[in-house]
Amino acid sequence: MSTPAQPPQVNLVQTPDYRESYANSVQVRVSVWDFQLVFGLASSESPEEVTIRNHDAIFLSPQQAKALFNVLGQNLAQYEQAFGALSLEPQNHNFPEGPVN
């Protein structure tokens, strides 16, 4: 009879080029091999025009994309339980109509 394997210890290390960014826009591109998440900043100078300045693209395997989906779902459920339901509708009425990305 074998003993259950212990999970490995995970060490998180930030590389010298590590950085943090803020994004209020994300586009998802999918291929057979991977998912690409393109992060950017959306801004509007007028109600008729929105400019998105993309600053980072992250590629994920389909398996990692599914794992991210699961962990985001769990964390969003916990967030809403603690702070209330989130709405995807913009709160600023000067923001153009349309889908939220």
PDB file of N, CA and C in Angstrom:
ATOM      1  N   MET A   1       0.840  -1.173   0.000  1.00  0.00           N
ATOM      2  CA  MET A   1       0.000   0.000   0.000  1.00  0.00           C
ATOM      3  C   MET A   1       0.889   1.241   0.000  1.00  0.00           C
ATOM      4  N   SER A   2       0.626   2.173  -0.906  1.00  0.00           N
ATOM      5  CA  SER A   2       1.460   3.366  -0.973  1.00  0.00           C
ATOM      6  C   SER A   2       0.798   4.524  -0.241  1.00  0.00           C
ATOM      7  N   THR A   3       1.611   5.416   0.265  1.00  0.00           N
ATOM      8  CA  THR A   3       1.088   6.588   0.952  1.00  0.00           C
ATOM      9  C   THR A   3       0.773   7.659  -0.082  1.00  0.00           C
ATOM     10  N   PRO A   4      -0.248   8.475   0.196  1.00  0.00           N
ATOM     11  CA  PRO A   4      -0.596   9.529  -0.771  1.00  0.00           C
ATOM     12  C   PRO A   4       0.573  10.511  -0.933  1.00  0.00           C
ATOM     13  N   ALA A   5       0.812  10.927  -2.160  1.00  0.00           N
ATOM     14  CA  ALA A   5       1.891  11.871  -2.432  1.00  0.00           C
ATOM     15  C   ALA A   5       1.536  13.245  -1.885  1.00  0.00           C
ATOM     16  N   GLN A   6       2.522  13.879  -1.285  1.00  0.00           N
ATOM     17  CA  GLN A   6       2.331  15.242  -0.790  1.00  0.00           C
ATOM     18  C   GLN A   6       2.447  16.208  -1.969  1.00  0.00           C
ATOM     19  N   PRO A   7       1.595  17.235  -1.994  1.00  0.00           N
ATOM     20  CA  PRO A   7       1.743  18.212  -3.080  1.00  0.00           C
ATOM     21  C   PRO A   7       3.070  18.953  -2.921  1.00  0.00           C
ATOM     22  N   PRO A   8       3.656  19.366  -4.030  1.00  0.00           N
ATOM     23  CA  PRO A   8       4.933  20.075  -3.931  1.00  0.00           C
ATOM     24  C   PRO A   8       4.761  21.445  -3.287  1.00  0.00           C
ATOM     25  N   GLN A   9       5.824  21.896  -2.650  1.00  0.00           N
ATOM     26  CA  GLN A   9       5.828  23.254  -2.101  1.00  0.00           C
ATOM     27  C   GLN A   9       5.972  24.211  -3.273  1.00  0.00           C
ATOM     28  N   VAL A  10       5.151  25.250  -3.313  1.00  0.00           N
ATOM     29  CA  VAL A  10       5.192  26.226  -4.401  1.00  0.00           C
ATOM     30  C   VAL A  10       5.893  27.476  -3.889  1.00  0.00           C
ATOM     31  N   ASN A  11       6.924  27.895  -4.588  1.00  0.00           N
ATOM     32  CA  ASN A  11       7.647  29.122  -4.252  1.00  0.00           C
ATOM     33  C   ASN A  11       7.344  30.168  -5.313  1.00  0.00           C
ATOM     34  N   LEU A  12       6.795  31.302  -4.915  1.00  0.00           N
ATOM     35  CA  LEU A  12       6.506  32.391  -5.838  1.00  0.00           C
ATOM     36  C   LEU A  12       7.677  33.366  -5.809  1.00  0.00           C
ATOM     37  N   VAL A  13       8.271  33.593  -6.975  1.00  0.00           N
ATOM     38  CA  VAL A  13       9.418  34.483  -7.089  1.00  0.00           C
ATOM     39  C   VAL A  13       9.129  35.475  -8.201  1.00  0.00           C
ATOM     40  N   GLN A  14       9.342  36.747  -7.938  1.00  0.00           N
ATOM     41  CA  GLN A  14       9.146  37.763  -8.971  1.00  0.00           C
ATOM     42  C   GLN A  14      10.451  37.977  -9.723  1.00  0.00           C
ATOM     43  N   THR A  15      10.390  37.850 -11.042  1.00  0.00           N
ATOM     44  CA  THR A  15      11.574  38.041 -11.869  1.00  0.00           C
ATOM     45  C   THR A  15      11.940  39.527 -11.904  1.00  0.00           C
ATOM     46  N   PRO A  16      13.147  39.869 -12.314  1.00  0.00           N
ATOM     47  CA  PRO A  16      13.549  41.284 -12.376  1.00  0.00           C
ATOM     48  C   PRO A  16      12.656  42.127 -13.287  1.00  0.00           C
ATOM     49  N   ASP A  17      12.056  41.514 -14.324  1.00  0.00           N
ATOM     50  CA  ASP A  17      11.196  42.285 -15.228  1.00  0.00           C
ATOM     51  C   ASP A  17       9.720  42.235 -14.840  1.00  0.00           C
ATOM     52  N   TYR A  18       9.414  41.748 -13.631  1.00  0.00           N
ATOM     53  CA  TYR A  18       8.030  41.714 -13.151  1.00  0.00           C
ATOM     54  C   TYR A  18       7.478  43.129 -13.081  1.00  0.00           C
ATOM     55  N   ARG A  19       6.209  43.291 -13.461  1.00  0.00           N
ATOM     56  CA  ARG A  19       5.548  44.581 -13.326  1.00  0.00           C
ATOM     57  C   ARG A  19       4.059  44.362 -13.128  1.00  0.00           C
ATOM     58  N   GLU A  20       3.419  45.340 -12.563  1.00  0.00           N
ATOM     59  CA  GLU A  20       1.971  45.320 -12.395  1.00  0.00           C
ATOM     60  C   GLU A  20       1.366  46.373 -13.308  1.00  0.00           C
ATOM     61  N   SER A  21       0.210  46.054 -13.866  1.00  0.00           N
ATOM     62  CA  SER A  21      -0.482  46.970 -14.769  1.00  0.00           C
ATOM     63  C   SER A  21      -1.960  47.000 -14.411  1.00  0.00           C
ATOM     64  N   TYR A  22      -2.610  48.088 -14.754  1.00  0.00           N
ATOM     65  CA  TYR A  22      -4.057  48.210 -14.611  1.00  0.00           C
ATOM     66  C   TYR A  22      -4.682  48.130 -15.998  1.00  0.00           C
ATOM     67  N   ALA A  23      -5.786  47.431 -16.110  1.00  0.00           N
ATOM     68  CA  ALA A  23      -6.519  47.360 -17.370  1.00  0.00           C
ATOM     69  C   ALA A  23      -8.011  47.486 -17.091  1.00  0.00           C
ATOM     70  N   ASN A  24      -8.693  48.257 -17.916  1.00  0.00           N
ATOM     71  CA  ASN A  24     -10.150  48.306 -17.859  1.00  0.00           C
ATOM     72  C   ASN A  24     -10.746  47.808 -19.174  1.00  0.00           C
ATOM     73  N   SER A  25      -9.896  47.156 -19.972  1.00  0.00           N
ATOM     74  CA  SER A  25     -10.330  46.535 -21.219  1.00  0.00           C
ATOM     75  C   SER A  25      -9.551  45.246 -21.393  1.00  0.00           C
ATOM     76  N   VAL A  26     -10.244  44.199 -21.797  1.00  0.00           N
ATOM     77  CA  VAL A  26      -9.565  42.951 -22.149  1.00  0.00           C
ATOM     78  C   VAL A  26     -10.264  42.354 -23.364  1.00  0.00           C
ATOM     79  N   GLN A  27      -9.461  41.960 -24.336  1.00  0.00           N
ATOM     80  CA  GLN A  27      -9.976  41.291 -25.516  1.00  0.00           C
ATOM     81  C   GLN A  27      -9.467  39.854 -25.475  1.00  0.00           C
ATOM     82  N   VAL A  28     -10.302  38.924 -25.886  1.00  0.00           N
ATOM     83  CA  VAL A  28      -9.934  37.511 -25.879  1.00  0.00           C
ATOM     84  C   VAL A  28      -9.880  37.030 -27.322  1.00  0.00           C
ATOM     85  N   ARG A  29      -8.750  36.460 -27.665  1.00  0.00           N
ATOM     86  CA  ARG A  29      -8.565  35.882 -28.999  1.00  0.00           C
ATOM     87  C   ARG A  29      -8.259  34.399 -28.805  1.00  0.00           C
ATOM     88  N   VAL A  30      -8.876  33.562 -29.619  1.00  0.00           N
ATOM     89  CA  VAL A  30      -8.766  32.115 -29.432  1.00  0.00           C
ATOM     90  C   VAL A  30      -8.278  31.470 -30.720  1.00  0.00           C
ATOM     91  N   SER A  31      -7.371  30.513 -30.559  1.00  0.00           N
ATOM     92  CA  SER A  31      -6.963  29.662 -31.675  1.00  0.00           C
ATOM     93  C   SER A  31      -7.048  28.217 -31.205  1.00  0.00           C
ATOM     94  N   VAL A  32      -6.730  27.309 -32.083  1.00  0.00           N
ATOM     95  CA  VAL A  32      -6.743  25.892 -31.726  1.00  0.00           C
ATOM     96  C   VAL A  32      -5.748  25.615 -30.606  1.00  0.00           C
ATOM     97  N   TRP A  33      -4.640  26.364 -30.595  1.00  0.00           N
ATOM     98  CA  TRP A  33      -3.540  26.063 -29.681  1.00  0.00           C
ATOM     99  C   TRP A  33      -3.565  26.859 -28.385  1.00  0.00           C
ATOM    100  N   ASP A  34      -4.141  28.079 -28.412  1.00  0.00           N
ATOM    101  CA  ASP A  34      -4.057  28.899 -27.210  1.00  0.00           C
ATOM    102  C   ASP A  34      -5.131  29.974 -27.150  1.00  0.00           C
ATOM    103  N   PHE A  35      -5.197  30.603 -25.987  1.00  0.00           N
ATOM    104  CA  PHE A  35      -6.033  31.764 -25.753  1.00  0.00           C
ATOM    105  C   PHE A  35      -5.091  32.950 -25.573  1.00  0.00           C
ATOM    106  N   GLN A  36      -5.446  34.077 -26.148  1.00  0.00           N
ATOM    107  CA  GLN A  36      -4.657  35.285 -25.967  1.00  0.00           C
ATOM    108  C   GLN A  36      -5.529  36.320 -25.292  1.00  0.00           C
ATOM    109  N   LEU A  37      -5.067  36.845 -24.172  1.00  0.00           N
ATOM    110  CA  LEU A  37      -5.753  37.916 -23.465  1.00  0.00           C
ATOM    111  C   LEU A  37      -4.975  39.198 -23.712  1.00  0.00           C
ATOM    112  N   VAL A  38      -5.617  40.198 -24.307  1.00  0.00           N
ATOM    113  CA  VAL A  38      -4.975  41.469 -24.619  1.00  0.00           C
ATOM    114  C   VAL A  38      -5.570  42.517 -23.682  1.00  0.00           C
ATOM    115  N   PHE A  39      -4.711  43.079 -22.838  1.00  0.00           N
ATOM    116  CA  PHE A  39      -5.151  44.032 -21.827  1.00  0.00           C
ATOM    117  C   PHE A  39      -4.828  45.451 -22.277  1.00  0.00           C
ATOM    118  N   GLY A  40      -5.727  46.376 -21.956  1.00  0.00           N
ATOM    119  CA  GLY A  40      -5.512  47.765 -22.342  1.00  0.00           C
ATOM    120  C   GLY A  40      -6.273  48.726 -21.456  1.00  0.00           C
ATOM    121  N   LEU A  41      -6.085  50.000 -21.754  1.00  0.00           N
ATOM    122  CA  LEU A  41      -6.796  51.073 -21.059  1.00  0.00           C
ATOM    123  C   LEU A  41      -7.757  51.729 -22.039  1.00  0.00           C
ATOM    124  N   ALA A  42      -9.023  51.751 -21.679  1.00  0.00           N
ATOM    125  CA  ALA A  42     -10.039  52.394 -22.502  1.00  0.00           C
ATOM    126  C   ALA A  42     -10.301  53.784 -21.946  1.00  0.00           C
ATOM    127  N   SER A  43     -10.336  54.756 -22.829  1.00  0.00           N
ATOM    128  CA  SER A  43     -10.655  56.122 -22.423  1.00  0.00           C
ATOM    129  C   SER A  43     -11.539  56.742 -23.489  1.00  0.00           C
ATOM    130  N   SER A  44     -12.276  57.762 -23.083  1.00  0.00           N
ATOM    131  CA  SER A  44     -13.215  58.401 -23.996  1.00  0.00           C
ATOM    132  C   SER A  44     -13.084  59.908 -23.876  1.00  0.00           C
ATOM    133  N   GLU A  45     -12.765  60.540 -24.988  1.00  0.00           N
ATOM    134  CA  GLU A  45     -12.713  62.006 -25.033  1.00  0.00           C
ATOM    135  C   GLU A  45     -14.088  62.592 -25.338  1.00  0.00           C
ATOM    136  N   SER A  46     -14.948  61.770 -25.943  1.00  0.00           N
ATOM    137  CA  SER A  46     -16.300  62.212 -26.272  1.00  0.00           C
ATOM    138  C   SER A  46     -17.205  60.988 -26.251  1.00  0.00           C
ATOM    139  N   PRO A  47     -18.526  61.200 -26.153  1.00  0.00           N
ATOM    140  CA  PRO A  47     -19.444  60.055 -26.137  1.00  0.00           C
ATOM    141  C   PRO A  47     -19.422  59.231 -27.423  1.00  0.00           C
ATOM    142  N   GLU A  48     -18.916  59.800 -28.509  1.00  0.00           N
ATOM    143  CA  GLU A  48     -18.926  59.108 -29.795  1.00  0.00           C
ATOM    144  C   GLU A  48     -17.672  58.272 -30.061  1.00  0.00           C
ATOM    145  N   GLU A  49     -16.648  58.387 -29.197  1.00  0.00           N
ATOM    146  CA  GLU A  49     -15.388  57.719 -29.510  1.00  0.00           C
ATOM    147  C   GLU A  49     -14.729  57.172 -28.251  1.00  0.00           C
ATOM    148  N   VAL A  50     -14.266  55.939 -28.366  1.00  0.00           N
ATOM    149  CA  VAL A  50     -13.511  55.296 -27.294  1.00  0.00           C
ATOM    150  C   VAL A  50     -12.170  54.873 -27.876  1.00  0.00           C
ATOM    151  N   THR A  51     -11.106  55.166 -27.166  1.00  0.00           N
ATOM    152  CA  THR A  51      -9.769  54.742 -27.572  1.00  0.00           C
ATOM    153  C   THR A  51      -9.279  53.693 -26.583  1.00  0.00           C
ATOM    154  N   ILE A  52      -8.812  52.573 -27.107  1.00  0.00           N
ATOM    155  CA  ILE A  52      -8.242  51.521 -26.262  1.00  0.00           C
ATOM    156  C   ILE A  52      -6.765  51.426 -26.586  1.00  0.00           C
ATOM    157  N   ARG A  53      -5.941  51.629 -25.565  1.00  0.00           N
ATOM    158  CA  ARG A  53      -4.488  51.533 -25.704  1.00  0.00           C
ATOM    159  C   ARG A  53      -4.039  50.198 -25.103  1.00  0.00           C
ATOM    160  N   ASN A  54      -3.802  49.209 -25.959  1.00  0.00           N
ATOM    161  CA  ASN A  54      -3.377  47.892 -25.488  1.00  0.00           C
ATOM    162  C   ASN A  54      -1.942  47.970 -24.974  1.00  0.00           C
ATOM    163  N   HIS A  55      -1.689  47.301 -23.833  1.00  0.00           N
ATOM    164  CA  HIS A  55      -0.343  47.358 -23.265  1.00  0.00           C
ATOM    165  C   HIS A  55       0.251  45.998 -22.928  1.00  0.00           C
ATOM    166  N   ASP A  56      -0.533  44.943 -22.862  1.00  0.00           N
ATOM    167  CA  ASP A  56       0.000  43.613 -22.553  1.00  0.00           C
ATOM    168  C   ASP A  56      -0.828  42.555 -23.250  1.00  0.00           C
ATOM    169  N   ALA A  57      -0.154  41.511 -23.719  1.00  0.00           N
ATOM    170  CA  ALA A  57      -0.828  40.338 -24.269  1.00  0.00           C
ATOM    171  C   ALA A  57      -0.277  39.118 -23.546  1.00  0.00           C
ATOM    172  N   ILE A  58      -1.172  38.282 -23.060  1.00  0.00           N
ATOM    173  CA  ILE A  58      -0.800  37.070 -22.343  1.00  0.00           C
ATOM    174  C   ILE A  58      -1.385  35.887 -23.101  1.00  0.00           C
ATOM    175  N   PHE A  59      -0.544  34.903 -23.385  1.00  0.00           N
ATOM    176  CA  PHE A  59      -0.992  33.686 -24.043  1.00  0.00           C
ATOM    177  C   PHE A  59      -1.138  32.587 -23.004  1.00  0.00           C
ATOM    178  N   LEU A  60      -2.239  31.841 -23.070  1.00  0.00           N
ATOM    179  CA  LEU A  60      -2.507  30.735 -22.157  1.00  0.00           C
ATOM    180  C   LEU A  60      -2.850  29.484 -22.956  1.00  0.00           C
ATOM    181  N   SER A  61      -2.438  28.338 -22.441  1.00  0.00           N
ATOM    182  CA  SER A  61      -2.900  27.088 -23.031  1.00  0.00           C
ATOM    183  C   SER A  61      -4.389  26.957 -22.734  1.00  0.00           C
ATOM    184  N   PRO A  62      -5.122  26.155 -23.497  1.00  0.00           N
ATOM    185  CA  PRO A  62      -6.545  25.955 -23.182  1.00  0.00           C
ATOM    186  C   PRO A  62      -6.756  25.461 -21.747  1.00  0.00           C
ATOM    187  N   GLN A  63      -5.852  24.617 -21.258  1.00  0.00           N
ATOM    188  CA  GLN A  63      -5.981  24.106 -19.893  1.00  0.00           C
ATOM    189  C   GLN A  63      -5.809  25.230 -18.875  1.00  0.00           C
ATOM    190  N   GLN A  64      -4.836  26.104 -19.092  1.00  0.00           N
ATOM    191  CA  GLN A  64      -4.632  27.221 -18.173  1.00  0.00           C
ATOM    192  C   GLN A  64      -5.775  28.234 -18.273  1.00  0.00           C
ATOM    193  N   ALA A  65      -6.331  28.414 -19.462  1.00  0.00           N
ATOM    194  CA  ALA A  65      -7.481  29.297 -19.621  1.00  0.00           C
ATOM    195  C   ALA A  65      -8.669  28.768 -18.817  1.00  0.00           C
ATOM    196  N   LYS A  66      -8.877  27.461 -18.847  1.00  0.00           N
ATOM    197  CA  LYS A  66      -9.979  26.875 -18.074  1.00  0.00           C
ATOM    198  C   LYS A  66      -9.717  27.006 -16.573  1.00  0.00           C
ATOM    199  N   ALA A  67      -8.462  26.793 -16.155  1.00  0.00           N
ATOM    200  CA  ALA A  67      -8.120  26.963 -14.741  1.00  0.00           C
ATOM    201  C   ALA A  67      -8.340  28.414 -14.312  1.00  0.00           C
ATOM    202  N   LEU A  68      -7.968  29.374 -15.161  1.00  0.00           N
ATOM    203  CA  LEU A  68      -8.193  30.791 -14.859  1.00  0.00           C
ATOM    204  C   LEU A  68      -9.682  31.081 -14.759  1.00  0.00           C
ATOM    205  N   PHE A  69     -10.457  30.548 -15.679  1.00  0.00           N
ATOM    206  CA  PHE A  69     -11.918  30.701 -15.648  1.00  0.00           C
ATOM    207  C   PHE A  69     -12.480  30.216 -14.308  1.00  0.00           C
ATOM    208  N   ASN A  70     -12.030  29.045 -13.867  1.00  0.00           N
ATOM    209  CA  ASN A  70     -12.522  28.486 -12.609  1.00  0.00           C
ATOM    210  C   ASN A  70     -12.134  29.346 -11.412  1.00  0.00           C
ATOM    211  N   VAL A  71     -10.877  29.745 -11.332  1.00  0.00           N
ATOM    212  CA  VAL A  71     -10.430  30.519 -10.170  1.00  0.00           C
ATOM    213  C   VAL A  71     -11.059  31.913 -10.168  1.00  0.00           C
ATOM    214  N   LEU A  72     -11.238  32.527 -11.336  1.00  0.00           N
ATOM    215  CA  LEU A  72     -11.921  33.827 -11.380  1.00  0.00           C
ATOM    216  C   LEU A  72     -13.379  33.690 -10.945  1.00  0.00           C
ATOM    217  N   GLY A  73     -14.054  32.630 -11.396  1.00  0.00           N
ATOM    218  CA  GLY A  73     -15.445  32.404 -10.992  1.00  0.00           C
ATOM    219  C   GLY A  73     -15.578  32.241  -9.488  1.00  0.00           C
ATOM    220  N   GLN A  74     -14.680  31.465  -8.891  1.00  0.00           N
ATOM    221  CA  GLN A  74     -14.714  31.267  -7.437  1.00  0.00           C
ATOM    222  C   GLN A  74     -14.465  32.582  -6.701  1.00  0.00           C
ATOM    223  N   ASN A  75     -13.480  33.348  -7.155  1.00  0.00           N
ATOM    224  CA  ASN A  75     -13.160  34.605  -6.489  1.00  0.00           C
ATOM    225  C   ASN A  75     -14.235  35.663  -6.690  1.00  0.00           C
ATOM    226  N   LEU A  76     -14.851  35.708  -7.868  1.00  0.00           N
ATOM    227  CA  LEU A  76     -15.948  36.649  -8.082  1.00  0.00           C
ATOM    228  C   LEU A  76     -17.154  36.303  -7.214  1.00  0.00           C
ATOM    229  N   ALA A  77     -17.445  35.017  -7.063  1.00  0.00           N
ATOM    230  CA  ALA A  77     -18.561  34.603  -6.199  1.00  0.00           C
ATOM    231  C   ALA A  77     -18.294  35.030  -4.753  1.00  0.00           C
ATOM    232  N   GLN A  78     -17.066  34.842  -4.286  1.00  0.00           N
ATOM    233  CA  GLN A  78     -16.716  35.263  -2.925  1.00  0.00           C
ATOM    234  C   GLN A  78     -16.794  36.781  -2.776  1.00  0.00           C
ATOM    235  N   TYR A  79     -16.328  37.517  -3.775  1.00  0.00           N
ATOM    236  CA  TYR A  79     -16.380  38.976  -3.758  1.00  0.00           C
ATOM    237  C   TYR A  79     -17.823  39.466  -3.665  1.00  0.00           C
ATOM    238  N   GLU A  80     -18.692  38.906  -4.523  1.00  0.00           N
ATOM    239  CA  GLU A  80     -20.094  39.324  -4.519  1.00  0.00           C
ATOM    240  C   GLU A  80     -20.788  38.936  -3.228  1.00  0.00           C
ATOM    241  N   GLN A  81     -20.412  37.828  -2.642  1.00  0.00           N
ATOM    242  CA  GLN A  81     -20.993  37.439  -1.355  1.00  0.00           C
ATOM    243  C   GLN A  81     -20.601  38.447  -0.277  1.00  0.00           C
ATOM    244  N   ALA A  82     -19.389  38.937  -0.337  1.00  0.00           N
ATOM    245  CA  ALA A  82     -18.917  39.879   0.674  1.00  0.00           C
ATOM    246  C   ALA A  82     -19.383  41.305   0.413  1.00  0.00           C
ATOM    247  N   PHE A  83     -19.440  41.737  -0.867  1.00  0.00           N
ATOM    248  CA  PHE A  83     -19.658  43.148  -1.175  1.00  0.00           C
ATOM    249  C   PHE A  83     -20.908  43.438  -2.000  1.00  0.00           C
ATOM    250  N   GLY A  84     -21.623  42.417  -2.445  1.00  0.00           N
ATOM    251  CA  GLY A  84     -22.820  42.622  -3.244  1.00  0.00           C
ATOM    252  C   GLY A  84     -22.578  42.347  -4.721  1.00  0.00           C
ATOM    253  N   ALA A  85     -23.668  42.207  -5.435  1.00  0.00           N
ATOM    254  CA  ALA A  85     -23.610  41.834  -6.852  1.00  0.00           C
ATOM    255  C   ALA A  85     -22.939  42.920  -7.683  1.00  0.00           C
ATOM    256  N   LEU A  86     -22.165  42.490  -8.662  1.00  0.00           N
ATOM    257  CA  LEU A  86     -21.532  43.397  -9.606  1.00  0.00           C
ATOM    258  C   LEU A  86     -22.418  43.553 -10.831  1.00  0.00           C
ATOM    259  N   SER A  87     -22.441  44.757 -11.374  1.00  0.00           N
ATOM    260  CA  SER A  87     -23.184  45.030 -12.591  1.00  0.00           C
ATOM    261  C   SER A  87     -22.194  45.310 -13.712  1.00  0.00           C
ATOM    262  N   LEU A  88     -22.463  44.789 -14.902  1.00  0.00           N
ATOM    263  CA  LEU A  88     -21.599  45.065 -16.036  1.00  0.00           C
ATOM    264  C   LEU A  88     -21.996  46.321 -16.787  1.00  0.00           C
ATOM    265  N   GLU A  89     -23.073  46.933 -16.380  1.00  0.00           N
ATOM    266  CA  GLU A  89     -23.508  48.168 -17.020  1.00  0.00           C
ATOM    267  C   GLU A  89     -22.679  49.335 -16.491  1.00  0.00           C
ATOM    268  N   PRO A  90     -22.178  50.201 -17.385  1.00  0.00           N
ATOM    269  CA  PRO A  90     -21.400  51.351 -16.921  1.00  0.00           C
ATOM    270  C   PRO A  90     -22.227  52.253 -16.018  1.00  0.00           C
ATOM    271  N   GLN A  91     -21.606  52.767 -14.981  1.00  0.00           N
ATOM    272  CA  GLN A  91     -22.285  53.668 -14.061  1.00  0.00           C
ATOM    273  C   GLN A  91     -22.259  55.107 -14.561  1.00  0.00           C
ATOM    274  N   ASN A  92     -21.294  55.454 -15.429  1.00  0.00           N
ATOM    275  CA  ASN A  92     -21.168  56.795 -15.969  1.00  0.00           C
ATOM    276  C   ASN A  92     -22.022  56.889 -17.232  1.00  0.00           C
ATOM    277  N   HIS A  93     -23.019  57.741 -17.235  1.00  0.00           N
ATOM    278  CA  HIS A  93     -23.942  57.828 -18.366  1.00  0.00           C
ATOM    279  C   HIS A  93     -23.316  58.495 -19.587  1.00  0.00           C
ATOM    280  N   ASN A  94     -22.106  59.057 -19.454  1.00  0.00           N
ATOM    281  CA  ASN A  94     -21.417  59.637 -20.606  1.00  0.00           C
ATOM    282  C   ASN A  94     -20.660  58.578 -21.403  1.00  0.00           C
ATOM    283  N   PHE A  95     -20.611  57.352 -20.881  1.00  0.00           N
ATOM    284  CA  PHE A  95     -19.894  56.287 -21.565  1.00  0.00           C
ATOM    285  C   PHE A  95     -20.741  55.778 -22.711  1.00  0.00           C
ATOM    286  N   PRO A  96     -20.163  55.519 -23.884  1.00  0.00           N
ATOM    287  CA  PRO A  96     -20.959  55.069 -25.040  1.00  0.00           C
ATOM    288  C   PRO A  96     -21.670  53.748 -24.770  1.00  0.00           C
ATOM    289  N   GLU A  97     -22.796  53.578 -25.429  1.00  0.00           N
ATOM    290  CA  GLU A  97     -23.550  52.324 -25.351  1.00  0.00           C
ATOM    291  C   GLU A  97     -22.763  51.238 -26.063  1.00  0.00           C
ATOM    292  N   GLY A  98     -22.987  49.994 -25.678  1.00  0.00           N
ATOM    293  CA  GLY A  98     -22.357  48.884 -26.376  1.00  0.00           C
ATOM    294  C   GLY A  98     -21.892  47.812 -25.429  1.00  0.00           C
ATOM    295  N   PRO A  99     -21.283  46.777 -25.977  1.00  0.00           N
ATOM    296  CA  PRO A  99     -20.849  45.653 -25.128  1.00  0.00           C
ATOM    297  C   PRO A  99     -19.692  46.071 -24.227  1.00  0.00           C
ATOM    298  N   VAL A 100     -19.636  45.412 -23.086  1.00  0.00           N
ATOM    299  CA  VAL A 100     -18.541  45.621 -22.155  1.00  0.00           C
ATOM    300  C   VAL A 100     -17.507  44.534 -22.413  1.00  0.00           C
ATOM    301  N   ASN A 101     -16.278  44.928 -22.677  1.00  0.00           N
ATOM    302  CA  ASN A 101     -15.204  43.969 -22.966  1.00  0.00           C
ATOM    303  C   ASN A 101     -14.334  43.792 -21.753  1.00  0.00           C
TER     304      ASN A 101
END
